[in-house]
Amino acid sequence: MDGIVTKMKTVALGWAWLVGGALNQAAVSPEQHQKLVETCRWLSQQDLAYGQSWQPPGHPYVITMDCSNTVRYIVWKVFGLNLPRTASDQYVFLRQRGKVREVPMQSDGRIDPQKLVAEMRSGDLLFWEWTYNVPRDPPISHVMIYLGRKKDGQAMVAGSSQRLDGERGGGVDVYTFDPNAPSGNARNFFRFITHRGRLVAYARPVARPGWAERGGLE
């Protein structure tokens, strides 16, 4: 996929996490957060490539583990919520319910990483547009799920990517998160860049409808 992720380091006995504003401000319960981290860690150990067909244990269907289906499975497994199939449809579905917020920007046109991480909570979804030439409106083309911060302050995400620098090496994996990292581009027939991929929004699936309109304070 794109350059939105860099290699993470693990500790021998697992991950030590400090979640955003800490678990005392998390949108999910401590138990849900723990289940989210454990589910994503378990998925990363299944050695699944981006877009690989896979049938989870006890699941009735084979799943194509691209970015949107991976996030869809995680959200269903952890929170019991059903999301649409594509990243674009997930974005629209959550936006219609008032659960999507634009990422905070700096005066130089870059995303404000400190403000964004302070606003996000474990279980939030991150949406990118134009990471490739996607025939959708809106052109949302990539999604991952936010896990929180490690004790060293590094923000972490999980999902499926064509990058090769996750915990396991890529595919369905866990990655460090840099909102301003290069994230692919859309190109025309002559290979000229027509749109630059960028992170545009985050969403909170577990929030009550209208969360974004209420300032994202819950």
N, C-alpha and C. Protein backbone atom coordinates (compact mmCIF):
# COMPACT_ATOMS: atom_id res chain seq x y z
N MET A 1 0.85 -1.18 0.00
CA MET A 1 0.00 0.00 0.00
C MET A 1 0.88 1.23 0.00
N ASP A 2 0.92 1.95 1.11
CA ASP A 2 1.58 3.22 1.09
C ASP A 2 2.49 3.38 2.29
N GLY A 3 3.16 4.53 2.36
CA GLY A 3 4.17 4.74 3.38
C GLY A 3 3.63 5.30 4.67
N ILE A 4 2.49 4.87 5.11
CA ILE A 4 1.90 5.45 6.31
C ILE A 4 2.39 4.78 7.57
N VAL A 5 3.21 3.75 7.43
CA VAL A 5 3.61 3.00 8.61
C VAL A 5 5.09 2.74 8.61
N THR A 6 5.66 2.59 9.79
CA THR A 6 7.06 2.21 9.94
C THR A 6 7.15 1.09 10.94
N LYS A 7 8.30 0.47 11.02
CA LYS A 7 8.43 -0.77 11.79
C LYS A 7 8.25 -0.55 13.28
N MET A 8 7.53 -1.46 13.94
CA MET A 8 7.36 -1.38 15.38
C MET A 8 8.30 -2.36 16.07
N LYS A 9 8.55 -2.10 17.33
CA LYS A 9 9.36 -2.99 18.15
C LYS A 9 8.46 -3.58 19.23
N THR A 10 8.66 -4.84 19.53
CA THR A 10 7.86 -5.49 20.56
C THR A 10 8.72 -5.82 21.75
N VAL A 11 8.07 -5.97 22.91
CA VAL A 11 8.79 -6.42 24.09
C VAL A 11 8.56 -7.89 24.24
N ALA A 12 9.46 -8.57 24.92
CA ALA A 12 9.47 -10.03 24.92
C ALA A 12 8.18 -10.63 25.45
N LEU A 13 7.56 -10.01 26.45
CA LEU A 13 6.39 -10.60 27.07
C LEU A 13 5.09 -9.97 26.59
N GLY A 14 5.15 -9.21 25.50
CA GLY A 14 3.92 -8.59 24.98
C GLY A 14 4.08 -7.10 24.88
N TRP A 15 2.95 -6.41 24.76
CA TRP A 15 2.97 -4.97 24.57
C TRP A 15 2.58 -4.26 25.85
N ALA A 16 3.27 -3.18 26.14
CA ALA A 16 2.89 -2.32 27.25
C ALA A 16 2.28 -1.06 26.67
N TRP A 17 1.04 -0.76 27.03
CA TRP A 17 0.30 0.32 26.38
C TRP A 17 -0.12 1.41 27.36
N LEU A 18 0.00 2.63 26.90
CA LEU A 18 -0.63 3.77 27.56
C LEU A 18 -1.53 4.38 26.50
N VAL A 19 -2.82 4.41 26.72
CA VAL A 19 -3.76 4.72 25.66
C VAL A 19 -4.11 6.18 25.63
N GLY A 20 -3.59 6.90 24.61
CA GLY A 20 -3.99 8.29 24.38
C GLY A 20 -4.01 9.06 25.68
N GLY A 21 -5.18 9.62 26.04
CA GLY A 21 -5.35 10.30 27.30
C GLY A 21 -5.44 9.31 28.44
N ALA A 22 -4.98 8.12 28.23
CA ALA A 22 -4.98 7.00 29.19
C ALA A 22 -6.34 6.33 29.19
N LEU A 23 -6.40 5.16 29.79
CA LEU A 23 -7.65 4.40 29.81
C LEU A 23 -8.76 5.13 30.55
N ASN A 24 -8.40 6.07 31.42
CA ASN A 24 -9.46 6.77 32.14
C ASN A 24 -10.23 7.72 31.23
N GLN A 25 -9.76 7.95 30.00
CA GLN A 25 -10.49 8.78 29.04
C GLN A 25 -10.86 8.00 27.78
N ALA A 26 -10.63 6.71 27.79
CA ALA A 26 -10.87 5.92 26.59
C ALA A 26 -12.35 5.85 26.27
N ALA A 27 -12.66 5.81 24.96
CA ALA A 27 -14.05 5.66 24.53
C ALA A 27 -14.52 4.23 24.77
N VAL A 28 -13.57 3.31 24.85
CA VAL A 28 -13.90 1.92 25.12
C VAL A 28 -13.48 1.60 26.55
N SER A 29 -14.01 0.52 27.08
CA SER A 29 -13.66 0.11 28.44
C SER A 29 -12.26 -0.50 28.44
N PRO A 30 -11.61 -0.58 29.61
CA PRO A 30 -10.31 -1.25 29.68
C PRO A 30 -10.36 -2.68 29.15
N GLU A 31 -11.48 -3.37 29.40
CA GLU A 31 -11.62 -4.74 28.92
C GLU A 31 -11.70 -4.78 27.40
N GLN A 32 -12.43 -3.84 26.81
CA GLN A 32 -12.52 -3.78 25.35
C GLN A 32 -11.18 -3.42 24.72
N HIS A 33 -10.48 -2.48 25.35
CA HIS A 33 -9.16 -2.12 24.84
C HIS A 33 -8.23 -3.33 24.86
N GLN A 34 -8.23 -4.07 25.97
CA GLN A 34 -7.38 -5.24 26.07
C GLN A 34 -7.75 -6.27 25.00
N LYS A 35 -9.05 -6.46 24.78
CA LYS A 35 -9.49 -7.40 23.76
C LYS A 35 -9.07 -6.93 22.38
N LEU A 36 -9.13 -5.61 22.14
CA LEU A 36 -8.71 -5.06 20.85
C LEU A 36 -7.24 -5.34 20.61
N VAL A 37 -6.40 -5.04 21.58
CA VAL A 37 -4.95 -5.26 21.42
C VAL A 37 -4.66 -6.74 21.22
N GLU A 38 -5.29 -7.59 22.02
CA GLU A 38 -5.04 -9.03 21.91
C GLU A 38 -5.53 -9.57 20.57
N THR A 39 -6.67 -9.09 20.09
CA THR A 39 -7.18 -9.53 18.79
C THR A 39 -6.24 -9.13 17.67
N CYS A 40 -5.76 -7.89 17.69
CA CYS A 40 -4.86 -7.42 16.63
C CYS A 40 -3.52 -8.14 16.71
N ARG A 41 -3.05 -8.41 17.92
CA ARG A 41 -1.79 -9.14 18.06
C ARG A 41 -1.95 -10.56 17.53
N TRP A 42 -3.08 -11.20 17.86
CA TRP A 42 -3.34 -12.56 17.37
C TRP A 42 -3.43 -12.57 15.85
N LEU A 43 -4.12 -11.60 15.27
CA LEU A 43 -4.22 -11.53 13.82
C LEU A 43 -2.83 -11.38 13.18
N SER A 44 -1.98 -10.56 13.80
CA SER A 44 -0.65 -10.35 13.22
C SER A 44 0.17 -11.63 13.23
N GLN A 45 -0.19 -12.57 14.10
CA GLN A 45 0.55 -13.83 14.19
C GLN A 45 0.02 -14.90 13.24
N GLN A 46 -1.04 -14.57 12.47
CA GLN A 46 -1.61 -15.54 11.54
C GLN A 46 -0.87 -15.57 10.20
N ASP A 47 0.11 -14.67 10.04
CA ASP A 47 0.94 -14.65 8.83
C ASP A 47 0.10 -14.46 7.58
N LEU A 48 -0.78 -13.44 7.61
CA LEU A 48 -1.68 -13.17 6.49
C LEU A 48 -1.15 -12.03 5.65
N ALA A 49 -1.06 -12.26 4.35
CA ALA A 49 -0.65 -11.21 3.43
C ALA A 49 -1.82 -10.27 3.14
N TYR A 50 -1.52 -9.10 2.62
CA TYR A 50 -2.57 -8.17 2.23
C TYR A 50 -3.45 -8.82 1.16
N GLY A 51 -4.76 -8.81 1.38
CA GLY A 51 -5.70 -9.36 0.41
C GLY A 51 -5.79 -10.87 0.39
N GLN A 52 -5.13 -11.55 1.32
CA GLN A 52 -5.18 -13.01 1.34
C GLN A 52 -6.56 -13.50 1.76
N SER A 53 -7.03 -14.57 1.15
CA SER A 53 -8.29 -15.20 1.56
C SER A 53 -8.05 -16.02 2.82
N TRP A 54 -8.93 -15.88 3.80
CA TRP A 54 -8.73 -16.51 5.11
C TRP A 54 -10.08 -16.75 5.76
N GLN A 55 -10.23 -17.90 6.37
CA GLN A 55 -11.45 -18.20 7.12
C GLN A 55 -11.11 -18.27 8.60
N PRO A 56 -11.56 -17.28 9.39
CA PRO A 56 -11.26 -17.29 10.82
C PRO A 56 -11.86 -18.53 11.49
N PRO A 57 -11.24 -19.01 12.55
CA PRO A 57 -11.78 -20.17 13.27
C PRO A 57 -13.23 -19.93 13.70
N GLY A 58 -14.11 -20.84 13.34
CA GLY A 58 -15.51 -20.73 13.73
C GLY A 58 -16.32 -19.74 12.91
N HIS A 59 -15.70 -19.10 11.94
CA HIS A 59 -16.40 -18.11 11.12
C HIS A 59 -17.00 -18.81 9.90
N PRO A 60 -18.23 -18.46 9.50
CA PRO A 60 -18.89 -19.19 8.41
C PRO A 60 -18.38 -18.84 7.02
N TYR A 61 -17.61 -17.75 6.88
CA TYR A 61 -17.21 -17.30 5.55
C TYR A 61 -15.70 -17.12 5.43
N VAL A 62 -15.23 -17.23 4.20
CA VAL A 62 -13.85 -16.87 3.87
C VAL A 62 -13.81 -15.36 3.67
N ILE A 63 -12.81 -14.71 4.24
CA ILE A 63 -12.68 -13.25 4.19
C ILE A 63 -11.46 -12.88 3.36
N THR A 64 -11.58 -11.89 2.50
CA THR A 64 -10.44 -11.32 1.80
C THR A 64 -9.85 -10.24 2.69
N MET A 65 -8.64 -10.47 3.19
CA MET A 65 -8.08 -9.61 4.22
C MET A 65 -7.36 -8.39 3.64
N ASP A 66 -8.13 -7.56 2.94
CA ASP A 66 -7.63 -6.25 2.56
C ASP A 66 -7.87 -5.30 3.73
N CYS A 67 -7.61 -4.00 3.54
CA CYS A 67 -7.67 -3.10 4.69
C CYS A 67 -9.07 -3.01 5.28
N SER A 68 -10.09 -2.85 4.45
CA SER A 68 -11.43 -2.64 4.98
C SER A 68 -12.02 -3.91 5.60
N ASN A 69 -11.78 -5.06 5.01
CA ASN A 69 -12.30 -6.30 5.58
C ASN A 69 -11.59 -6.65 6.88
N THR A 70 -10.31 -6.32 6.97
CA THR A 70 -9.57 -6.58 8.21
C THR A 70 -10.13 -5.73 9.34
N VAL A 71 -10.31 -4.43 9.09
CA VAL A 71 -10.89 -3.56 10.10
C VAL A 71 -12.32 -3.98 10.42
N ARG A 72 -13.06 -4.35 9.40
CA ARG A 72 -14.44 -4.81 9.60
C ARG A 72 -14.48 -6.02 10.54
N TYR A 73 -13.57 -6.97 10.33
CA TYR A 73 -13.51 -8.16 11.18
C TYR A 73 -13.14 -7.78 12.61
N ILE A 74 -12.14 -6.91 12.77
CA ILE A 74 -11.70 -6.51 14.10
C ILE A 74 -12.83 -5.83 14.87
N VAL A 75 -13.51 -4.90 14.22
CA VAL A 75 -14.61 -4.17 14.88
C VAL A 75 -15.74 -5.12 15.26
N TRP A 76 -16.04 -6.07 14.38
CA TRP A 76 -17.08 -7.05 14.70
C TRP A 76 -16.64 -7.95 15.86
N LYS A 77 -15.40 -8.40 15.82
CA LYS A 77 -14.90 -9.34 16.83
C LYS A 77 -14.81 -8.69 18.20
N VAL A 78 -14.38 -7.43 18.25
CA VAL A 78 -14.13 -6.77 19.53
C VAL A 78 -15.37 -6.05 20.06
N PHE A 79 -16.07 -5.34 19.18
CA PHE A 79 -17.17 -4.49 19.63
C PHE A 79 -18.56 -5.00 19.24
N GLY A 80 -18.60 -6.06 18.40
CA GLY A 80 -19.89 -6.60 17.99
C GLY A 80 -20.64 -5.70 17.03
N LEU A 81 -19.93 -4.82 16.31
CA LEU A 81 -20.56 -3.89 15.38
C LEU A 81 -20.31 -4.33 13.94
N ASN A 82 -21.31 -4.20 13.09
CA ASN A 82 -21.18 -4.56 11.68
C ASN A 82 -20.97 -3.30 10.85
N LEU A 83 -19.88 -3.27 10.09
CA LEU A 83 -19.58 -2.15 9.21
C LEU A 83 -19.71 -2.59 7.76
N PRO A 84 -19.94 -1.64 6.84
CA PRO A 84 -19.97 -1.98 5.41
C PRO A 84 -18.65 -2.54 4.92
N ARG A 85 -18.63 -3.01 3.68
CA ARG A 85 -17.50 -3.75 3.13
C ARG A 85 -16.29 -2.88 2.80
N THR A 86 -16.47 -1.75 2.12
CA THR A 86 -15.32 -0.97 1.66
C THR A 86 -15.00 0.16 2.62
N ALA A 87 -13.77 0.65 2.54
CA ALA A 87 -13.36 1.78 3.38
C ALA A 87 -14.23 3.00 3.11
N SER A 88 -14.55 3.25 1.84
CA SER A 88 -15.38 4.39 1.49
C SER A 88 -16.78 4.26 2.08
N ASP A 89 -17.37 3.08 1.99
CA ASP A 89 -18.70 2.86 2.54
C ASP A 89 -18.69 2.92 4.07
N GLN A 90 -17.61 2.45 4.69
CA GLN A 90 -17.49 2.55 6.15
C GLN A 90 -17.46 4.02 6.57
N TYR A 91 -16.71 4.81 5.83
CA TYR A 91 -16.61 6.25 6.10
C TYR A 91 -17.99 6.91 5.99
N VAL A 92 -18.70 6.64 4.90
CA VAL A 92 -20.01 7.23 4.69
C VAL A 92 -20.99 6.78 5.77
N PHE A 93 -20.97 5.50 6.08
CA PHE A 93 -21.85 4.92 7.10
C PHE A 93 -21.65 5.63 8.44
N LEU A 94 -20.41 5.83 8.84
CA LEU A 94 -20.13 6.46 10.12
C LEU A 94 -20.37 7.97 10.07
N ARG A 95 -20.09 8.59 8.94
CA ARG A 95 -20.33 10.03 8.81
C ARG A 95 -21.82 10.34 8.89
N GLN A 96 -22.65 9.51 8.27
CA GLN A 96 -24.09 9.71 8.33
C GLN A 96 -24.62 9.63 9.75
N ARG A 97 -23.91 8.97 10.63
CA ARG A 97 -24.33 8.82 12.02
C ARG A 97 -23.61 9.79 12.95
N GLY A 98 -22.92 10.76 12.34
CA GLY A 98 -22.24 11.76 13.14
C GLY A 98 -21.07 11.24 13.94
N LYS A 99 -20.33 10.28 13.38
CA LYS A 99 -19.23 9.66 14.10
C LYS A 99 -17.88 9.89 13.44
N VAL A 100 -17.79 10.85 12.52
CA VAL A 100 -16.55 11.12 11.80
C VAL A 100 -16.11 12.56 12.06
N ARG A 101 -14.83 12.74 12.32
CA ARG A 101 -14.24 14.08 12.49
C ARG A 101 -13.05 14.23 11.55
N GLU A 102 -12.87 15.43 11.04
CA GLU A 102 -11.69 15.72 10.23
C GLU A 102 -10.45 15.76 11.12
N VAL A 103 -9.31 15.41 10.55
CA VAL A 103 -8.07 15.48 11.33
C VAL A 103 -7.67 16.93 11.54
N PRO A 104 -7.09 17.28 12.68
CA PRO A 104 -6.68 18.67 12.94
C PRO A 104 -5.46 19.04 12.10
N MET A 105 -5.48 20.25 11.55
CA MET A 105 -4.42 20.69 10.66
C MET A 105 -3.62 21.83 11.29
N GLN A 106 -2.36 21.93 10.87
CA GLN A 106 -1.50 23.04 11.25
C GLN A 106 -1.55 24.12 10.18
N SER A 107 -0.99 25.27 10.48
CA SER A 107 -1.01 26.38 9.52
C SER A 107 -0.19 26.09 8.28
N ASP A 108 0.75 25.13 8.36
CA ASP A 108 1.58 24.79 7.21
C ASP A 108 0.92 23.74 6.31
N GLY A 109 -0.32 23.35 6.62
CA GLY A 109 -1.04 22.39 5.80
C GLY A 109 -0.80 20.95 6.17
N ARG A 110 0.04 20.71 7.17
CA ARG A 110 0.28 19.35 7.64
C ARG A 110 -0.65 19.03 8.81
N ILE A 111 -0.85 17.74 9.03
CA ILE A 111 -1.66 17.31 10.15
C ILE A 111 -0.92 17.60 11.45
N ASP A 112 -1.66 18.04 12.46
CA ASP A 112 -1.08 18.27 13.78
C ASP A 112 -1.06 16.93 14.52
N PRO A 113 0.08 16.24 14.57
CA PRO A 113 0.11 14.89 15.14
C PRO A 113 -0.19 14.85 16.63
N GLN A 114 0.31 15.83 17.38
CA GLN A 114 0.08 15.83 18.82
C GLN A 114 -1.39 16.04 19.14
N LYS A 115 -2.02 16.97 18.46
CA LYS A 115 -3.44 17.22 18.71
C LYS A 115 -4.29 16.02 18.29
N LEU A 116 -3.94 15.42 17.14
CA LEU A 116 -4.70 14.27 16.66
C LEU A 116 -4.63 13.11 17.65
N VAL A 117 -3.43 12.78 18.10
CA VAL A 117 -3.27 11.66 19.02
C VAL A 117 -3.97 11.96 20.34
N ALA A 118 -3.96 13.23 20.77
CA ALA A 118 -4.65 13.60 22.01
C ALA A 118 -6.16 13.44 21.86
N GLU A 119 -6.69 13.66 20.66
CA GLU A 119 -8.12 13.57 20.43
C GLU A 119 -8.60 12.13 20.26
N MET A 120 -7.75 11.27 19.70
CA MET A 120 -8.18 9.91 19.37
C MET A 120 -8.20 9.02 20.60
N ARG A 121 -8.97 7.94 20.48
CA ARG A 121 -9.06 6.94 21.52
C ARG A 121 -8.89 5.56 20.90
N SER A 122 -8.50 4.61 21.71
CA SER A 122 -8.38 3.23 21.27
C SER A 122 -9.69 2.78 20.63
N GLY A 123 -9.59 2.16 19.45
CA GLY A 123 -10.77 1.70 18.72
C GLY A 123 -11.26 2.65 17.66
N ASP A 124 -10.70 3.86 17.58
CA ASP A 124 -11.06 4.78 16.51
C ASP A 124 -10.54 4.26 15.16
N LEU A 125 -11.25 4.59 14.10
CA LEU A 125 -10.82 4.23 12.74
C LEU A 125 -10.19 5.44 12.07
N LEU A 126 -9.18 5.19 11.26
CA LEU A 126 -8.47 6.24 10.51
C LEU A 126 -8.71 6.03 9.02
N PHE A 127 -9.06 7.12 8.33
CA PHE A 127 -9.41 7.03 6.91
C PHE A 127 -8.48 7.90 6.07
N TRP A 128 -7.94 7.28 5.00
CA TRP A 128 -7.13 7.98 4.02
C TRP A 128 -7.87 8.06 2.68
N GLU A 129 -7.57 9.09 1.91
CA GLU A 129 -8.12 9.19 0.56
C GLU A 129 -7.00 9.18 -0.47
N TRP A 130 -7.33 8.76 -1.68
CA TRP A 130 -6.43 8.79 -2.84
C TRP A 130 -5.08 8.11 -2.59
N THR A 131 -5.05 7.04 -1.83
CA THR A 131 -3.81 6.28 -1.71
C THR A 131 -3.54 5.49 -2.99
N TYR A 132 -4.55 5.36 -3.81
CA TYR A 132 -4.42 4.85 -5.17
C TYR A 132 -5.61 5.42 -5.96
N ASN A 133 -5.69 5.13 -7.22
CA ASN A 133 -6.72 5.70 -8.08
C ASN A 133 -8.03 4.96 -7.86
N VAL A 134 -8.83 5.44 -6.94
CA VAL A 134 -10.01 4.73 -6.51
C VAL A 134 -11.28 5.34 -7.12
N PRO A 135 -12.10 4.54 -7.80
CA PRO A 135 -13.31 5.05 -8.45
C PRO A 135 -14.49 5.12 -7.48
N ARG A 136 -14.34 5.89 -6.42
CA ARG A 136 -15.40 6.00 -5.41
C ARG A 136 -15.62 7.46 -5.05
N ASP A 137 -16.79 7.75 -4.55
CA ASP A 137 -17.12 9.07 -4.05
C ASP A 137 -17.80 8.91 -2.70
N PRO A 138 -17.13 9.32 -1.63
CA PRO A 138 -15.83 9.98 -1.56
C PRO A 138 -14.68 9.02 -1.86
N PRO A 139 -13.51 9.57 -2.24
CA PRO A 139 -12.39 8.72 -2.65
C PRO A 139 -11.59 8.14 -1.49
N ILE A 140 -12.30 7.67 -0.46
CA ILE A 140 -11.62 7.02 0.68
C ILE A 140 -11.11 5.66 0.21
N SER A 141 -9.83 5.43 0.42
CA SER A 141 -9.21 4.24 -0.16
C SER A 141 -8.46 3.37 0.84
N HIS A 142 -8.36 3.81 2.08
CA HIS A 142 -7.62 3.02 3.07
C HIS A 142 -8.16 3.30 4.47
N VAL A 143 -8.17 2.28 5.31
CA VAL A 143 -8.64 2.42 6.68
C VAL A 143 -7.80 1.52 7.59
N MET A 144 -7.52 2.02 8.79
CA MET A 144 -6.86 1.22 9.82
C MET A 144 -7.52 1.56 11.15
N ILE A 145 -7.20 0.79 12.18
CA ILE A 145 -7.78 1.00 13.51
C ILE A 145 -6.69 1.41 14.49
N TYR A 146 -7.01 2.41 15.30
CA TYR A 146 -6.06 2.96 16.26
C TYR A 146 -6.05 2.13 17.53
N LEU A 147 -4.87 1.81 18.03
CA LEU A 147 -4.72 0.99 19.23
C LEU A 147 -4.37 1.79 20.47
N GLY A 148 -3.82 2.98 20.26
CA GLY A 148 -3.37 3.77 21.40
C GLY A 148 -1.87 3.99 21.32
N ARG A 149 -1.30 4.41 22.44
CA ARG A 149 0.14 4.67 22.51
C ARG A 149 0.83 3.67 23.42
N LYS A 150 2.05 3.32 23.04
CA LYS A 150 2.89 2.53 23.93
C LYS A 150 3.45 3.44 25.03
N LYS A 151 4.10 2.84 26.01
CA LYS A 151 4.63 3.62 27.13
C LYS A 151 5.68 4.63 26.69
N ASP A 152 6.32 4.37 25.55
CA ASP A 152 7.30 5.34 25.05
C ASP A 152 6.65 6.47 24.28
N GLY A 153 5.30 6.47 24.19
CA GLY A 153 4.58 7.53 23.51
C GLY A 153 4.28 7.26 22.05
N GLN A 154 4.79 6.17 21.48
CA GLN A 154 4.58 5.87 20.07
C GLN A 154 3.15 5.44 19.82
N ALA A 155 2.48 6.13 18.91
CA ALA A 155 1.11 5.77 18.53
C ALA A 155 1.14 4.55 17.62
N MET A 156 0.17 3.65 17.79
CA MET A 156 0.14 2.39 17.06
C MET A 156 -1.22 2.18 16.39
N VAL A 157 -1.18 1.55 15.22
CA VAL A 157 -2.39 1.19 14.50
C VAL A 157 -2.30 -0.26 14.06
N ALA A 158 -3.45 -0.81 13.67
CA ALA A 158 -3.48 -2.18 13.15
C ALA A 158 -4.35 -2.21 11.91
N GLY A 159 -4.11 -3.21 11.07
CA GLY A 159 -4.89 -3.37 9.85
C GLY A 159 -4.12 -4.17 8.83
N SER A 160 -4.53 -4.03 7.57
CA SER A 160 -3.87 -4.75 6.49
C SER A 160 -3.28 -3.75 5.51
N SER A 161 -2.01 -3.93 5.18
CA SER A 161 -1.29 -3.01 4.31
C SER A 161 -0.34 -3.79 3.41
N GLN A 162 0.02 -3.19 2.29
CA GLN A 162 1.00 -3.79 1.40
C GLN A 162 2.43 -3.41 1.79
N ARG A 163 2.56 -2.61 2.83
CA ARG A 163 3.88 -2.33 3.35
C ARG A 163 4.50 -3.61 3.93
N LEU A 164 5.81 -3.60 4.11
CA LEU A 164 6.52 -4.78 4.60
C LEU A 164 7.24 -4.50 5.91
N ASP A 165 6.76 -3.52 6.67
CA ASP A 165 7.51 -3.09 7.85
C ASP A 165 6.65 -3.05 9.10
N GLY A 166 5.77 -4.03 9.24
CA GLY A 166 5.00 -4.15 10.47
C GLY A 166 5.71 -5.04 11.47
N GLU A 167 5.01 -5.38 12.54
CA GLU A 167 5.60 -6.25 13.55
C GLU A 167 6.05 -7.58 12.96
N ARG A 168 5.17 -8.16 12.14
CA ARG A 168 5.50 -9.45 11.52
C ARG A 168 6.24 -9.27 10.22
N GLY A 169 6.10 -8.12 9.61
CA GLY A 169 6.72 -7.87 8.33
C GLY A 169 5.79 -7.25 7.32
N GLY A 170 4.50 -7.17 7.63
CA GLY A 170 3.55 -6.55 6.71
C GLY A 170 2.29 -7.35 6.57
N GLY A 171 1.42 -6.91 5.66
CA GLY A 171 0.13 -7.56 5.51
C GLY A 171 -0.76 -7.22 6.69
N VAL A 172 -1.48 -8.21 7.22
CA VAL A 172 -2.31 -8.00 8.40
C VAL A 172 -1.38 -7.94 9.61
N ASP A 173 -1.26 -6.76 10.19
CA ASP A 173 -0.16 -6.55 11.13
C ASP A 173 -0.43 -5.34 12.01
N VAL A 174 0.53 -5.03 12.86
CA VAL A 174 0.50 -3.86 13.73
C VAL A 174 1.65 -2.95 13.33
N TYR A 175 1.37 -1.64 13.27
CA TYR A 175 2.33 -0.69 12.74
C TYR A 175 2.40 0.56 13.61
N THR A 176 3.55 1.23 13.57
CA THR A 176 3.61 2.56 14.16
C THR A 176 2.85 3.52 13.26
N PHE A 177 2.42 4.63 13.84
CA PHE A 177 1.53 5.56 13.15
C PHE A 177 2.14 6.95 13.05
N ASP A 178 2.30 7.43 11.82
CA ASP A 178 2.74 8.80 11.55
C ASP A 178 1.71 9.41 10.59
N PRO A 179 0.88 10.33 11.04
CA PRO A 179 -0.19 10.84 10.19
C PRO A 179 0.29 11.62 8.98
N ASN A 180 1.54 12.09 9.00
CA ASN A 180 2.07 12.87 7.88
C ASN A 180 3.00 12.08 6.96
N ALA A 181 3.12 10.78 7.19
CA ALA A 181 3.99 9.97 6.35
C ALA A 181 3.41 9.87 4.94
N PRO A 182 4.25 9.70 3.91
CA PRO A 182 3.74 9.50 2.55
C PRO A 182 2.75 8.35 2.50
N SER A 183 1.69 8.51 1.74
CA SER A 183 0.63 7.50 1.76
C SER A 183 0.10 7.18 0.37
N GLY A 184 1.00 7.09 -0.60
CA GLY A 184 0.56 6.71 -1.94
C GLY A 184 -0.05 7.88 -2.69
N ASN A 185 -0.36 7.65 -3.95
CA ASN A 185 -0.95 8.69 -4.80
C ASN A 185 -1.86 8.05 -5.85
N ALA A 186 -2.74 8.87 -6.38
CA ALA A 186 -3.52 8.47 -7.56
C ALA A 186 -2.81 9.02 -8.79
N ARG A 187 -2.71 8.19 -9.83
CA ARG A 187 -2.01 8.59 -11.05
C ARG A 187 -2.89 8.34 -12.27
N ASN A 188 -2.64 9.11 -13.31
CA ASN A 188 -3.39 8.93 -14.55
C ASN A 188 -2.68 7.93 -15.46
N PHE A 189 -3.19 7.80 -16.69
CA PHE A 189 -2.65 6.84 -17.65
C PHE A 189 -1.17 7.07 -17.91
N PHE A 190 -0.73 8.33 -17.85
CA PHE A 190 0.66 8.68 -18.14
C PHE A 190 1.53 8.65 -16.88
N ARG A 191 0.95 8.14 -15.79
CA ARG A 191 1.65 7.97 -14.52
C ARG A 191 1.92 9.30 -13.81
N PHE A 192 1.25 10.37 -14.26
CA PHE A 192 1.36 11.63 -13.55
C PHE A 192 0.45 11.60 -12.32
N ILE A 193 0.91 12.19 -11.24
CA ILE A 193 0.11 12.22 -10.02
C ILE A 193 -1.06 13.17 -10.20
N THR A 194 -2.25 12.68 -9.96
CA THR A 194 -3.46 13.50 -10.04
C THR A 194 -3.97 13.90 -8.66
N HIS A 195 -3.75 13.04 -7.67
CA HIS A 195 -4.13 13.34 -6.29
C HIS A 195 -3.11 12.68 -5.37
N ARG A 196 -2.77 13.37 -4.32
CA ARG A 196 -1.84 12.81 -3.35
C ARG A 196 -2.61 12.17 -2.20
N GLY A 197 -2.19 10.95 -1.85
CA GLY A 197 -2.84 10.27 -0.75
C GLY A 197 -2.61 11.00 0.56
N ARG A 198 -3.63 11.03 1.39
CA ARG A 198 -3.49 11.72 2.68
C ARG A 198 -4.54 11.22 3.66
N LEU A 199 -4.19 11.30 4.93
CA LEU A 199 -5.13 11.01 6.00
C LEU A 199 -6.10 12.17 6.12
N VAL A 200 -7.40 11.89 6.15
CA VAL A 200 -8.38 12.98 6.15
C VAL A 200 -9.31 12.97 7.36
N ALA A 201 -9.51 11.82 8.00
CA ALA A 201 -10.52 11.79 9.05
C ALA A 201 -10.29 10.61 9.99
N TYR A 202 -10.91 10.71 11.15
CA TYR A 202 -10.98 9.57 12.05
C TYR A 202 -12.42 9.45 12.54
N ALA A 203 -12.78 8.24 12.93
CA ALA A 203 -14.16 7.96 13.33
C ALA A 203 -14.18 7.13 14.59
N ARG A 204 -15.28 7.23 15.33
CA ARG A 204 -15.43 6.49 16.57
C ARG A 204 -16.66 5.59 16.47
N PRO A 205 -16.51 4.35 16.02
CA PRO A 205 -17.67 3.47 15.83
C PRO A 205 -18.49 3.24 17.09
N VAL A 206 -17.83 3.25 18.27
CA VAL A 206 -18.55 2.95 19.50
C VAL A 206 -19.28 4.16 20.08
N ALA A 207 -19.09 5.34 19.49
CA ALA A 207 -19.73 6.54 20.01
C ALA A 207 -21.23 6.54 19.73
N ARG A 208 -21.96 7.33 20.51
CA ARG A 208 -23.37 7.53 20.23
C ARG A 208 -23.53 8.38 18.98
N PRO A 209 -24.61 8.20 18.21
CA PRO A 209 -24.84 9.04 17.03
C PRO A 209 -24.76 10.52 17.39
N GLY A 210 -24.13 11.31 16.51
CA GLY A 210 -23.98 12.74 16.75
C GLY A 210 -22.75 13.11 17.53
N TRP A 211 -21.87 12.13 17.76
CA TRP A 211 -20.63 12.39 18.53
C TRP A 211 -19.81 13.52 17.93
N ALA A 212 -19.64 13.52 16.63
CA ALA A 212 -18.80 14.54 15.97
C ALA A 212 -19.40 15.94 16.16
N GLU A 213 -20.72 16.05 16.02
CA GLU A 213 -21.38 17.33 16.18
C GLU A 213 -21.28 17.86 17.61
N ARG A 214 -21.12 16.95 18.56
CA ARG A 214 -20.97 17.35 19.97
C ARG A 214 -19.51 17.64 20.33
N GLY A 215 -18.66 17.73 19.31
CA GLY A 215 -17.28 18.12 19.54
C GLY A 215 -16.33 16.98 19.83
N GLY A 216 -16.82 15.73 19.72
CA GLY A 216 -15.96 14.59 19.98
C GLY A 216 -15.44 14.53 21.39
N LEU A 217 -16.23 14.99 22.34
CA LEU A 217 -15.76 15.11 23.72
C LEU A 217 -16.11 13.92 24.59
N GLU A 218 -16.75 12.91 24.02
CA GLU A 218 -17.16 11.75 24.84
C GLU A 218 -16.41 10.51 24.44
